[in-house]
């Protein structure tokens, strides 16, 4: 773990770390020097020798200035080093999140990812900025002090170390048990946060069904489990740390009593004894802080394990030699796929969408329409067969190029807490203002935007709070116009919008589809009557394919049954 975290630091971050450690070493050593100077001044005053006092007072003041400056320097540098590792980790996680398949996000809940990005990554700042700098500096100081102390009096040096090995052995043996408790506590906390996220998102529904307290009870039980585990961890830590502190204090006590005995017998000068007492407190400092370092270590190792699980999760595989398609027809060649979680399976799906034509995917919910779209986007990889664009297997294309070739307009639009212009710009990095406005005009949303007090600078709440479903859909269509990709994927957007928005969306989509290869997941069959090809999905298979008119010729066919149901609902 230590090597990996050091590897995350930039060269500047490593310099901050080294400067911080050096600053804390200087801070501690000047503190020791000040104690010895005060002792020297006291002895001179009591001994009647005052000639050297001005020099001693000057050295004491100089040590004070150096100590203060070293502390400021070390404190600043340690935070810079900690912030550096946090920044690098968050950058790496964000980049990694964009490379995962959609399957990852169905297995890992957003609450758990949130805990990792915020709590666990922040813990890495603690290990670099607080544990490493202080701990390493303190141990360097201890080594620098124990050598001259042993040279001054080897017996007193040995007494200083008397029960110290036993204390460190206790700490080391308890490390494994403490780590297991912290891991359990961390997992329970992540689960509770995930439940809280689900609970907050579902409050409108929960209030509508206020008589059902299932999620309330589950959340309460989860919080109770976290509380019990935290209580158990606290009891364990308190008991173990009390034993460790006792053994550590015993080492100082043995040294203090042994020293008094040796002074009494004349084997040790009083000045040497006082030096051991004064300097000994600084020597024991890193060992006294070991309990804090130990607790932080348990938290950090648990956090780093979760960070590693996120960073090491499988990503969409990139080809060694990426290929680029010359045209943009889409073909599914004997594709099979299944979800592990619910047993749904697609079996032997084959069809072709010629370039610059529209193919509609129809069928009941759960029949495989959206899954086919997701497989084309490589949200998952097929279990058998191949999906090709322009004759090139999408697994042989660079993933960025694949996604760059496709514009997506889905039923559930994702908007971000940004301005309207910022949300449209997602369609094309570096788009000009004129390009954004033109895309909005073609999406039939420009007039609405200009009616707002701040126009394109109007802020949008998280997930489009403040906008209607139709307005969000047209912003999504504006993104697609701006991206101008040759392949267009549509999850029919007019299911839950008012008639005015529906008409505007239909106009915009009709223009957007011109001269593109279009796949549309259709919920309202009347909107895809003019499609060049209609594929009827049922239970993960294509049961019928053809134009609207040709499919209706089979009165007993599946498509005809879907059409009759649609007509009845009208």
Protein backbone atom coordinates (compact mmCIF):
# COMPACT_ATOMS: atom_id res chain seq x y z
CA UNK A 1 0.00 0.00 0.00
CA UNK A 2 2.76 2.45 0.96
CA UNK A 3 4.60 1.96 -2.34
CA UNK A 4 1.38 2.37 -4.34
CA UNK A 5 0.39 5.58 -2.52
CA UNK A 6 3.88 7.01 -3.01
CA UNK A 7 3.54 6.16 -6.69
CA UNK A 8 0.38 8.30 -6.86
CA UNK A 9 2.23 11.43 -5.71
CA UNK A 10 3.51 13.79 -8.37
CA UNK A 11 7.20 14.86 -8.16
CA UNK A 12 5.98 18.05 -6.50
CA UNK A 13 3.93 16.03 -4.02
CA UNK A 14 6.99 13.97 -3.07
CA UNK A 15 8.99 17.17 -2.52
CA UNK A 16 6.23 18.49 -0.27
CA UNK A 17 6.38 15.22 1.69
CA UNK A 18 10.19 15.38 2.13
CA UNK A 19 10.15 19.07 3.11
CA UNK A 20 7.38 18.42 5.62
CA UNK A 21 9.30 15.57 7.27
CA UNK A 22 12.46 17.68 7.38
CA UNK A 23 10.50 20.56 8.88
CA UNK A 24 9.04 18.41 11.65
CA UNK A 25 12.49 16.92 12.43
CA UNK A 26 13.91 20.43 12.75
CA UNK A 27 10.91 21.47 14.87
CA UNK A 28 11.47 18.60 17.31
CA UNK A 29 15.23 18.99 17.53
CA UNK A 30 15.00 22.73 18.21
CA UNK A 31 12.49 21.91 20.97
CA UNK A 32 15.04 19.56 22.55
CA UNK A 33 17.75 22.20 22.14
CA UNK A 34 15.54 24.76 23.91
CA UNK A 35 15.00 22.39 26.84
CA UNK A 36 18.74 21.79 27.17
CA UNK A 37 19.46 25.54 26.92
CA UNK A 38 16.95 26.27 29.68
CA UNK A 39 18.63 23.59 31.81
CA UNK A 40 22.04 25.14 31.12
CA UNK A 41 20.74 28.62 32.02
CA UNK A 42 19.25 27.25 35.25
CA UNK A 43 22.53 25.58 36.22
CA UNK A 44 24.54 28.75 35.44
CA UNK A 45 22.19 30.93 37.45
CA UNK A 46 22.21 28.59 40.47
CA UNK A 47 25.97 28.11 40.15
CA UNK A 48 26.64 31.84 40.14
CA UNK A 49 28.10 31.90 36.63
CA UNK A 50 26.22 34.54 34.61
CA UNK A 51 28.83 35.63 32.07
CA UNK A 52 27.48 33.43 29.30
CA UNK A 53 23.78 34.19 29.89
CA UNK A 54 23.36 36.75 27.04
CA UNK A 55 24.66 34.22 24.54
CA UNK A 56 22.41 31.48 25.95
CA UNK A 57 19.35 33.78 25.84
CA UNK A 58 20.21 34.69 22.25
CA UNK A 59 20.49 31.02 21.29
CA UNK A 60 17.19 30.30 23.04
CA UNK A 61 15.44 33.09 21.09
CA UNK A 62 17.02 31.87 17.83
CA UNK A 63 15.79 28.31 18.53
CA UNK A 64 12.32 29.72 19.14
CA UNK A 65 12.32 31.46 15.74
CA UNK A 66 13.64 28.37 13.96
CA UNK A 67 11.11 26.14 15.71
CA UNK A 68 8.18 28.39 14.75
CA UNK A 69 9.35 28.70 11.14
CA UNK A 70 9.94 24.95 10.84
CA UNK A 71 6.47 24.23 12.20
CA UNK A 72 4.78 26.60 9.72
CA UNK A 73 6.81 25.18 6.82
CA UNK A 74 6.14 21.55 7.79
CA UNK A 75 2.43 22.12 8.35
CA UNK A 76 1.96 23.78 4.97
CA UNK A 77 4.00 21.18 3.12
CA UNK A 78 2.18 18.22 4.71
CA UNK A 79 -1.19 19.57 3.56
CA UNK A 80 0.14 20.21 0.06
CA UNK A 81 1.36 16.59 -0.07
CA UNK A 82 -1.98 15.30 1.23
CA UNK A 83 -3.99 17.38 -1.24
CA UNK A 84 -1.73 16.15 -4.04
CA UNK A 85 -2.51 12.48 -3.41
CA UNK A 86 -6.24 13.23 -3.02
CA UNK A 87 -6.27 15.12 -6.33
CA UNK A 88 -4.43 12.33 -8.14
CA UNK A 89 -6.72 9.66 -6.70
CA UNK A 90 -9.91 11.52 -7.58
CA UNK A 91 -8.65 12.18 -11.10
CA UNK A 92 -7.81 8.50 -11.51
CA UNK A 93 -11.19 7.39 -10.12
CA UNK A 94 -13.13 9.81 -12.34
CA UNK A 95 -11.26 8.61 -15.43
CA UNK A 96 -11.82 5.00 -14.34
CA UNK A 97 -15.55 5.50 -13.79
CA UNK A 98 -15.92 6.52 -17.45
CA UNK A 99 -14.34 3.25 -18.62
CA UNK A 100 -16.56 0.82 -16.71
CA UNK A 101 -19.34 -1.08 -18.38
CA UNK A 102 -22.92 -0.34 -17.39
CA UNK A 103 -22.89 -3.74 -15.68
CA UNK A 104 -20.52 -2.29 -13.08
CA UNK A 105 -23.05 0.35 -12.09
CA UNK A 106 -25.77 -2.24 -11.64
CA UNK A 107 -23.56 -4.15 -9.21
CA UNK A 108 -22.00 -1.21 -7.36
CA UNK A 109 -24.52 1.15 -5.81
CA UNK A 110 -24.01 4.90 -6.03
CA UNK A 111 -23.88 5.25 -2.25
CA UNK A 112 -20.88 2.94 -2.05
CA UNK A 113 -19.09 4.81 -4.83
CA UNK A 114 -19.86 8.07 -3.03
CA UNK A 115 -18.30 6.78 0.20
CA UNK A 116 -15.15 5.79 -1.71
CA UNK A 117 -14.78 9.11 -3.55
CA UNK A 118 -15.36 11.26 -0.47
CA UNK A 119 -14.63 9.47 2.82
CA UNK A 120 -12.08 6.90 1.66
CA UNK A 121 -10.11 9.25 -0.59
CA UNK A 122 -10.07 11.90 2.15
CA UNK A 123 -8.52 9.28 4.43
CA UNK A 124 -5.58 9.10 2.01
CA UNK A 125 -4.91 12.78 2.75
CA UNK A 126 -4.68 11.81 6.40
CA UNK A 127 -2.14 9.04 5.79
CA UNK A 128 0.14 11.21 3.65
CA UNK A 129 -0.32 14.57 5.33
CA UNK A 130 -0.57 13.46 8.95
CA UNK A 131 0.59 9.89 9.56
CA UNK A 132 3.64 9.70 7.31
CA UNK A 133 5.03 13.18 7.93
CA UNK A 134 4.64 13.17 11.71
CA UNK A 135 5.45 9.53 12.23
CA UNK A 136 8.55 9.44 10.02
CA UNK A 137 9.83 12.73 11.46
CA UNK A 138 9.27 11.55 15.04
CA UNK A 139 11.10 8.27 14.48
CA UNK A 140 14.01 10.08 12.80
CA UNK A 141 14.24 12.31 15.86
CA UNK A 142 14.11 9.27 18.19
CA UNK A 143 17.00 7.64 16.32
CA UNK A 144 18.98 10.89 16.41
CA UNK A 145 18.43 11.15 20.17
CA UNK A 146 18.94 7.56 21.33
CA UNK A 147 22.48 7.36 19.91
CA UNK A 148 23.96 10.25 22.00
CA UNK A 149 21.92 9.13 25.03
CA UNK A 150 23.46 5.65 24.84
CA UNK A 151 26.89 7.24 24.48
CA UNK A 152 26.16 9.38 27.56
CA UNK A 153 25.13 6.36 29.68
CA UNK A 154 24.45 2.91 28.16
CA UNK A 155 22.66 1.62 31.28
CA UNK A 156 20.17 4.50 31.29
CA UNK A 157 19.70 3.98 27.55
CA UNK A 158 18.84 0.32 28.17
CA UNK A 159 16.41 1.28 30.95
CA UNK A 160 14.66 3.65 28.53
CA UNK A 161 13.96 0.72 26.21
CA UNK A 162 12.98 -1.78 28.95
CA UNK A 163 9.25 -2.47 28.31
CA UNK A 164 9.12 -0.78 24.90
CA UNK A 165 9.53 -4.03 22.87
CA UNK A 166 6.64 -5.64 24.79
CA UNK A 167 4.39 -2.65 24.02
CA UNK A 168 5.24 -2.77 20.29
CA UNK A 169 4.73 -6.56 20.21
CA UNK A 170 1.25 -6.13 21.72
CA UNK A 171 0.39 -3.50 19.12
CA UNK A 172 1.61 -5.70 16.26
CA UNK A 173 -0.27 -8.81 17.36
CA UNK A 174 -3.55 -6.91 17.72
CA UNK A 175 -3.25 -5.33 14.28
CA UNK A 176 -5.00 -8.15 12.40
CA UNK A 177 -8.05 -8.30 14.66
CA UNK A 178 -8.45 -4.53 14.61
CA UNK A 179 -8.27 -4.49 10.79
CA UNK A 180 -11.07 -7.06 10.52
CA UNK A 181 -13.31 -5.00 12.82
CA UNK A 182 -12.63 -1.82 10.83
CA UNK A 183 -13.36 -3.61 7.55
CA UNK A 184 -16.69 -4.85 8.89
CA UNK A 185 -17.54 -1.37 10.16
CA UNK A 186 -16.59 0.22 6.83
CA UNK A 187 -18.73 -2.24 4.85
CA UNK A 188 -21.72 -1.67 7.13
CA UNK A 189 -21.28 2.10 6.79
CA UNK A 190 -21.14 1.89 2.98
CA UNK A 191 -24.31 -0.21 2.99
CA UNK A 192 -26.08 2.28 5.26
CA UNK A 193 -25.09 5.23 3.03
CA UNK A 194 -26.42 3.36 -0.01
CA UNK A 195 -29.73 2.81 1.76
CA UNK A 196 -29.85 6.51 2.69
CA UNK A 197 -29.33 7.46 -0.97
CA UNK A 198 -32.14 5.12 -2.03
CA UNK A 199 -34.34 6.45 0.78
CA UNK A 200 -33.84 10.12 -0.11
CA UNK A 201 -34.43 9.46 -3.82
CA UNK A 202 -37.60 7.53 -3.01
CA UNK A 203 -39.13 9.97 -0.50
CA UNK A 204 -41.93 11.10 -2.88
CA UNK A 205 -42.94 7.47 -3.47
CA UNK A 206 -42.57 6.55 0.20
CA UNK A 207 -44.84 9.42 1.20
CA UNK A 208 -47.42 8.25 -1.32
CA UNK A 209 -47.31 4.77 0.25
CA UNK A 210 -46.78 5.92 3.82
CA UNK A 211 -48.41 2.81 5.25
CA UNK A 212 -45.50 0.63 4.10
CA UNK A 213 -42.52 1.01 6.44
CA UNK A 214 -40.30 -1.69 4.90
CA UNK A 215 -37.51 0.67 3.83
CA UNK A 216 -37.77 2.63 7.09
CA UNK A 217 -37.26 -0.56 9.06
CA UNK A 218 -34.40 -1.70 6.80
CA UNK A 219 -32.65 1.65 7.17
CA UNK A 220 -33.14 1.65 10.95
CA UNK A 221 -31.74 -1.88 11.17
CA UNK A 222 -28.74 -0.90 9.06
CA UNK A 223 -28.05 2.14 11.27
CA UNK A 224 -28.39 -0.09 14.35
CA UNK A 225 -25.86 -2.53 12.86
CA UNK A 226 -23.37 0.30 12.22
CA UNK A 227 -23.88 1.55 15.78
CA UNK A 228 -23.31 -1.88 17.35
CA UNK A 229 -20.21 -2.53 15.23
CA UNK A 230 -18.81 0.93 16.05
CA UNK A 231 -19.45 0.30 19.75
CA UNK A 232 -17.66 -3.05 19.59
CA UNK A 233 -14.74 -1.44 17.72
CA UNK A 234 -14.53 1.34 20.33
CA UNK A 235 -14.47 -1.14 23.22
CA UNK A 236 -11.76 -3.16 21.53
CA UNK A 237 -9.64 -0.10 20.78
CA UNK A 238 -10.02 1.29 24.30
CA UNK A 239 -8.91 -1.97 25.94
CA UNK A 240 -5.99 -2.60 23.63
CA UNK A 241 -4.72 0.99 23.74
CA UNK A 242 -4.93 1.07 27.54
CA UNK A 243 -2.65 -1.97 27.74
CA UNK A 244 -0.25 -0.45 25.23
CA UNK A 245 -0.12 2.91 27.04
CA UNK A 246 0.53 1.13 30.35
CA UNK A 247 3.55 -0.75 28.96
CA UNK A 248 4.86 2.45 27.37
CA UNK A 249 4.53 4.42 30.61
CA UNK A 250 6.26 1.58 32.42
CA UNK A 251 9.36 2.09 30.25
CA UNK A 252 9.61 5.73 31.34
CA UNK A 253 8.90 4.76 34.95
CA UNK A 254 11.65 2.11 34.93
CA UNK A 255 14.09 4.66 33.49
CA UNK A 256 13.07 7.35 36.01
CA UNK A 257 13.28 5.08 39.08
CA UNK A 258 16.46 3.36 37.88
CA UNK A 259 18.04 6.76 37.29
CA UNK A 260 17.16 7.99 40.78
CA UNK A 261 18.72 4.87 42.27
CA UNK A 262 21.91 5.39 40.24
CA UNK A 263 22.05 9.08 41.23
CA UNK A 264 21.60 8.02 44.88
CA UNK A 265 24.51 5.57 44.62
CA UNK A 266 26.68 8.12 42.82
CA UNK A 267 26.85 6.12 39.59
CA UNK A 268 25.09 8.83 37.58
CA UNK A 269 25.54 12.62 37.72
CA UNK A 270 22.39 14.65 38.40
CA UNK A 271 22.91 16.60 35.13
CA UNK A 272 22.96 13.38 33.11
CA UNK A 273 19.80 12.21 34.84
CA UNK A 274 18.03 15.47 34.06
CA UNK A 275 19.10 15.20 30.43
CA UNK A 276 17.58 11.71 30.20
CA UNK A 277 14.32 12.90 31.79
CA UNK A 278 14.02 15.94 29.51
CA UNK A 279 15.13 14.31 26.27
CA UNK A 280 13.42 11.01 27.08
CA UNK A 281 9.97 12.57 26.66
CA UNK A 282 10.88 13.51 23.09
CA UNK A 283 12.31 10.03 22.49
CA UNK A 284 9.06 8.37 23.62
CA UNK A 285 6.91 10.76 21.55
CA UNK A 286 6.56 8.61 18.38
CA UNK A 287 5.82 5.51 20.47
CA UNK A 288 3.17 7.40 22.42
CA UNK A 289 1.61 8.48 19.12
CA UNK A 290 1.67 4.91 17.82
CA UNK A 291 -1.84 4.31 19.15
CA UNK A 292 -3.11 7.19 17.00
CA UNK A 293 -1.04 6.02 14.04
CA UNK A 294 -2.37 2.48 14.58
CA UNK A 295 -6.02 3.60 14.56
CA UNK A 296 -5.43 5.73 11.49
CA UNK A 297 -3.63 2.85 9.81
CA UNK A 298 -6.67 0.59 10.32
CA UNK A 299 -8.97 3.19 8.78
CA UNK A 300 -6.61 3.87 5.92
CA UNK A 301 -6.00 0.22 4.98
CA UNK A 302 -9.74 -0.42 4.94
CA UNK A 303 -10.32 2.72 2.83
CA UNK A 304 -7.49 1.86 0.47
CA UNK A 305 -8.89 -1.65 -0.03
CA UNK A 306 -12.18 -0.13 -1.22
CA UNK A 307 -10.36 2.38 -3.44
CA UNK A 308 -8.34 -0.47 -4.95
CA UNK A 309 -11.49 -2.51 -5.56
CA UNK A 310 -12.83 0.44 -7.56
CA UNK A 311 -9.60 1.12 -9.45
CA UNK A 312 -9.04 -2.59 -10.18
CA UNK A 313 -12.62 -3.31 -11.31
CA UNK A 314 -12.74 -4.63 -14.89
CA UNK A 315 -13.11 -2.00 -17.61
CA UNK A 316 -14.12 -2.13 -21.24
CA UNK A 317 -11.19 -3.78 -23.00
CA UNK A 318 -9.40 -1.70 -25.61
CA UNK A 319 -8.02 -3.39 -28.76
CA UNK A 320 -4.26 -3.51 -29.27
CA UNK A 321 -4.63 -2.28 -32.86
CA UNK A 322 -7.91 -0.31 -33.14
CA UNK A 323 -9.75 -0.38 -36.46
CA UNK A 324 -11.84 2.43 -37.94
CA UNK A 325 -15.01 1.72 -39.93
CA UNK A 326 -15.34 3.33 -43.36
CA UNK A 327 -19.14 3.41 -43.28
CA UNK A 328 -21.81 3.28 -40.61
CA UNK A 329 -24.21 0.42 -41.19
CA UNK A 330 -24.89 -1.63 -38.04
CA UNK A 331 -25.16 -5.41 -37.90
CA UNK A 332 -25.86 -7.95 -35.14
CA UNK A 333 -24.41 -11.33 -36.13
CA UNK A 334 -25.82 -14.25 -34.08
CA UNK A 335 -25.55 -12.25 -30.84
CA UNK A 336 -26.28 -13.93 -27.51
CA UNK A 337 -26.14 -12.34 -24.08
CA UNK A 338 -27.50 -12.87 -20.57
CA UNK A 339 -27.70 -10.98 -17.28
CA UNK A 340 -26.48 -12.87 -14.27
CA UNK A 341 -28.81 -11.09 -11.90
CA UNK A 342 -32.23 -12.07 -13.28
CA UNK A 343 -31.68 -14.80 -15.83
CA UNK A 344 -32.81 -12.73 -18.87
CA UNK A 345 -31.12 -13.92 -22.03
CA UNK A 346 -30.91 -12.82 -25.67
CA UNK A 347 -30.49 -15.73 -28.06
CA UNK A 348 -29.05 -15.73 -31.56
CA UNK A 349 -30.01 -12.17 -32.55
CA UNK A 350 -29.15 -11.25 -36.14
CA UNK A 351 -30.18 -8.16 -38.11
CA UNK A 352 -28.63 -5.37 -40.19
CA UNK A 353 -29.39 -1.65 -40.18
CA UNK A 354 -28.22 -0.26 -43.54
CA UNK A 355 -26.44 3.08 -43.46
CA UNK A 356 -28.76 6.12 -43.40
CA UNK A 357 -31.90 4.10 -42.68
CA UNK A 358 -34.15 3.82 -39.64
CA UNK A 359 -34.80 0.58 -37.80
CA UNK A 360 -37.35 0.43 -35.01
CA UNK A 361 -37.17 -2.07 -32.14
CA UNK A 362 -40.60 -2.89 -30.75
CA UNK A 363 -41.93 -5.33 -28.19
CA UNK A 364 -43.18 -5.64 -24.65
CA UNK A 365 -41.15 -4.43 -21.68
CA UNK A 366 -38.25 -6.75 -20.92
CA UNK A 367 -38.16 -8.23 -24.40
CA UNK A 368 -34.56 -7.11 -25.13
CA UNK A 369 -34.95 -3.83 -27.06
CA UNK A 370 -32.93 -1.64 -24.69
CA UNK A 371 -30.45 -4.44 -24.10
CA UNK A 372 -29.66 -4.46 -27.82
CA UNK A 373 -28.93 -0.71 -27.65
CA UNK A 374 -26.72 -1.18 -24.60
CA UNK A 375 -24.78 -3.98 -26.30
CA UNK A 376 -24.14 -1.72 -29.29
CA UNK A 377 -22.70 0.85 -26.88
CA UNK A 378 -20.59 -1.85 -25.19
CA UNK A 379 -22.20 -1.21 -21.83
CA UNK A 380 -21.82 -4.98 -21.75
CA UNK A 381 -19.96 -7.28 -24.13
CA UNK A 382 -21.80 -10.00 -26.00
CA UNK A 383 -21.43 -13.60 -24.79
CA UNK A 384 -21.45 -14.95 -28.37
CA UNK A 385 -21.54 -13.55 -31.89
CA UNK A 386 -20.49 -10.05 -32.89
CA UNK A 387 -21.82 -6.54 -33.37
CA UNK A 388 -20.26 -4.62 -36.26
CA UNK A 389 -20.24 -1.06 -37.52
CA UNK A 390 -19.21 -0.75 -41.15
CA UNK A 391 -18.04 -4.36 -41.03
CA UNK A 392 -15.73 -3.73 -38.04
CA UNK A 393 -16.39 -5.60 -34.80
CA UNK A 394 -17.06 -2.92 -32.17
CA UNK A 395 -14.60 -4.75 -29.87
CA UNK A 396 -11.90 -3.94 -32.44
CA UNK A 397 -12.72 -0.22 -32.32
CA UNK A 398 -11.31 2.25 -29.83
CA UNK A 399 -14.02 2.69 -27.20
CA UNK A 400 -13.80 6.48 -27.49
CA UNK A 401 -14.21 6.22 -31.26
CA UNK A 402 -17.19 3.89 -30.87
CA UNK A 403 -18.95 6.29 -28.50
CA UNK A 404 -17.88 9.22 -30.66
CA UNK A 405 -19.70 7.63 -33.62
CA UNK A 406 -23.00 7.48 -31.75
CA UNK A 407 -25.44 10.12 -30.52
CA UNK A 408 -27.88 9.03 -27.82
CA UNK A 409 -31.27 10.49 -26.97
CA UNK A 410 -32.83 8.48 -24.19
CA UNK A 411 -36.18 8.66 -22.45
CA UNK A 412 -34.58 9.45 -19.08
CA UNK A 413 -32.44 12.51 -19.74
CA UNK A 414 -29.46 13.14 -17.46
CA UNK A 415 -28.81 16.83 -16.84
CA UNK A 416 -26.14 18.24 -14.56
CA UNK A 417 -26.11 21.12 -12.07
CA UNK A 418 -24.77 23.59 -14.65
CA UNK A 419 -26.13 26.23 -17.00
CA UNK A 420 -28.34 25.27 -19.93
CA UNK A 421 -25.47 26.12 -22.27
CA UNK A 422 -23.10 23.91 -20.24
CA UNK A 423 -25.53 21.00 -20.47
CA UNK A 424 -25.80 21.36 -24.26
CA UNK A 425 -22.01 21.66 -24.63
CA UNK A 426 -21.65 18.11 -23.33
CA UNK A 427 -22.45 17.09 -26.91
CA UNK A 428 -19.20 18.56 -28.24
CA UNK A 429 -16.09 19.55 -26.34
CA UNK A 430 -14.97 23.03 -27.34
CA UNK A 431 -18.16 23.97 -29.19
CA UNK A 432 -18.56 27.67 -29.99
CA UNK A 433 -21.47 29.72 -28.69
CA UNK A 434 -22.89 29.95 -32.21
CA UNK A 435 -22.78 26.14 -32.55
CA UNK A 436 -24.63 25.74 -29.25
CA UNK A 437 -27.32 28.22 -30.30
CA UNK A 438 -27.73 26.56 -33.73
CA UNK A 439 -28.09 23.14 -32.08
CA UNK A 440 -30.73 24.56 -29.72
CA UNK A 441 -32.63 26.11 -32.66
CA UNK A 442 -32.70 22.79 -34.50
CA UNK A 443 -33.85 21.06 -31.28
CA UNK A 444 -36.75 23.57 -31.03
CA UNK A 445 -35.60 24.72 -27.57
CA UNK A 446 -33.94 28.09 -28.44
CA UNK A 447 -37.11 30.19 -28.04
CA UNK A 448 -37.80 28.70 -24.62
CA UNK A 449 -34.20 29.34 -23.50
CA UNK A 450 -34.35 32.97 -24.64
CA UNK A 451 -37.56 33.46 -22.64
CA UNK A 452 -35.65 32.71 -19.43
CA UNK A 453 -34.24 35.67 -17.44
CA UNK A 454 -30.61 34.54 -17.91
CA UNK A 455 -31.02 32.87 -21.30
CA UNK A 456 -28.38 30.24 -22.00
CA UNK A 457 -26.66 31.08 -18.67
CA UNK A 458 -29.74 29.98 -16.72
CA UNK A 459 -28.65 27.45 -14.10
CA UNK A 460 -30.23 24.01 -14.18
CA UNK A 461 -30.81 22.13 -10.95
CA UNK A 462 -29.37 18.66 -10.45
CA UNK A 463 -31.01 16.21 -12.87
CA UNK A 464 -32.94 19.03 -14.53
CA UNK A 465 -34.91 20.30 -11.55
CA UNK A 466 -37.11 23.14 -12.77
CA UNK A 467 -37.51 21.86 -16.34
CA UNK A 468 -40.35 19.80 -17.74
CA UNK A 469 -39.77 16.39 -19.28
CA UNK A 470 -40.22 17.76 -22.79
CA UNK A 471 -37.78 20.62 -22.20
CA UNK A 472 -35.16 18.20 -20.90
CA UNK A 473 -35.71 15.99 -23.95
CA UNK A 474 -35.12 18.90 -26.32
CA UNK A 475 -31.89 19.83 -24.50
CA UNK A 476 -30.81 16.21 -24.98
CA UNK A 477 -31.68 16.47 -28.70
CA UNK A 478 -29.64 19.70 -28.91
CA UNK A 479 -26.65 17.74 -27.57
CA UNK A 480 -27.13 15.19 -30.35
CA UNK A 481 -27.30 17.94 -33.01
CA UNK A 482 -24.10 19.42 -31.61
CA UNK A 483 -22.32 16.06 -31.61
CA UNK A 484 -23.39 15.35 -35.20
CA UNK A 485 -22.54 11.62 -35.01
CA UNK A 486 -23.39 9.32 -37.97
CA UNK A 487 -25.31 6.81 -35.81
CA UNK A 488 -28.33 7.87 -33.74
CA UNK A 489 -29.88 5.82 -30.93
CA UNK A 490 -33.32 6.87 -29.76
CA UNK A 491 -35.31 5.58 -26.82
CA UNK A 492 -38.67 7.00 -27.85
CA UNK A 493 -38.94 10.19 -25.88
CA UNK A 494 -42.60 11.16 -26.21
CA UNK A 495 -44.07 8.65 -23.76
CA UNK A 496 -44.56 11.10 -20.89
CA UNK A 497 -44.74 14.58 -22.42
CA UNK A 498 -47.58 16.96 -23.21
CA UNK A 499 -48.92 17.33 -26.80
CA UNK A 500 -47.07 20.63 -27.47
CA UNK A 501 -43.71 19.23 -26.41
CA UNK A 502 -44.45 15.99 -28.25
CA UNK A 503 -44.98 17.85 -31.54
CA UNK A 504 -41.77 19.87 -31.09
CA UNK A 505 -39.78 16.74 -30.19
CA UNK A 506 -41.11 14.85 -33.22
CA UNK A 507 -40.10 17.74 -35.52
CA UNK A 508 -36.62 17.92 -34.00
CA UNK A 509 -36.07 14.15 -34.11
CA UNK A 510 -37.26 13.94 -37.71
CA UNK A 511 -34.65 16.52 -38.70
CA UNK A 512 -31.99 14.88 -36.52
CA UNK A 513 -32.54 11.49 -38.16
CA UNK A 514 -31.90 12.73 -41.71
CA UNK A 515 -28.88 11.02 -43.33
CA UNK A 516 -28.05 9.05 -40.18
CA UNK A 517 -28.17 5.37 -39.27
CA UNK A 518 -30.99 5.31 -36.73
CA UNK A 519 -32.08 2.70 -34.19
CA UNK A 520 -35.14 3.66 -32.21
CA UNK A 521 -36.68 1.82 -29.28
CA UNK A 522 -40.38 2.37 -29.90
CA UNK A 523 -43.06 2.50 -27.22
CA UNK A 524 -45.72 4.15 -29.38
CA UNK A 525 -45.96 2.09 -32.56
CA UNK A 526 -47.68 4.91 -34.44
CA UNK A 527 -44.46 6.96 -34.33
CA UNK A 528 -42.42 4.36 -36.25
CA UNK A 529 -44.83 3.43 -39.03
CA UNK A 530 -42.48 5.00 -41.56
CA UNK A 531 -39.38 3.13 -40.35
CA UNK A 532 -37.43 1.32 -43.08
CA UNK A 533 -37.41 -1.79 -40.90
CA UNK A 534 -39.26 -2.90 -37.77
CA UNK A 535 -37.90 -5.67 -35.52
CA UNK A 536 -40.34 -7.25 -33.10
CA UNK A 537 -38.59 -8.51 -29.93
CA UNK A 538 -40.12 -11.06 -27.61
CA UNK A 539 -38.42 -12.85 -24.73
CA UNK A 540 -34.93 -11.97 -25.95
CA UNK A 541 -35.49 -13.06 -29.56
CA UNK A 542 -36.56 -11.39 -32.79
CA UNK A 543 -39.85 -13.02 -33.76
CA UNK A 544 -40.75 -10.81 -36.72
CA UNK A 545 -39.01 -8.33 -39.02
CA UNK A 546 -40.26 -6.15 -41.88
CA UNK A 547 -42.00 -2.87 -42.66
CA UNK A 548 -45.16 -1.76 -40.88
CA UNK A 549 -47.38 -2.77 -43.80
CA UNK A 550 -45.77 -6.16 -44.37
CA UNK A 551 -45.95 -7.07 -40.68
CA UNK A 552 -49.64 -6.21 -40.49
CA UNK A 553 -50.33 -8.64 -43.35
CA UNK A 554 -49.85 -11.44 -40.81
CA UNK A 555 -53.04 -10.84 -38.82
CA UNK A 556 -52.12 -13.51 -36.28
CA UNK A 557 -48.55 -12.31 -35.87
CA UNK A 558 -47.00 -10.78 -32.79
CA UNK A 559 -46.66 -7.31 -34.35
CA UNK A 560 -50.32 -7.27 -35.33
CA UNK A 561 -51.24 -8.09 -31.73
CA UNK A 562 -49.07 -5.23 -30.47
CA UNK A 563 -50.67 -2.89 -32.99
CA UNK A 564 -54.20 -3.85 -31.94
CA UNK A 565 -53.32 -3.22 -28.28
CA UNK A 566 -51.91 0.18 -29.21
CA UNK A 567 -55.09 1.06 -31.12
CA UNK A 568 -57.28 0.02 -28.19
CA UNK A 569 -55.25 2.25 -25.79
CA UNK A 570 -55.94 5.24 -28.01
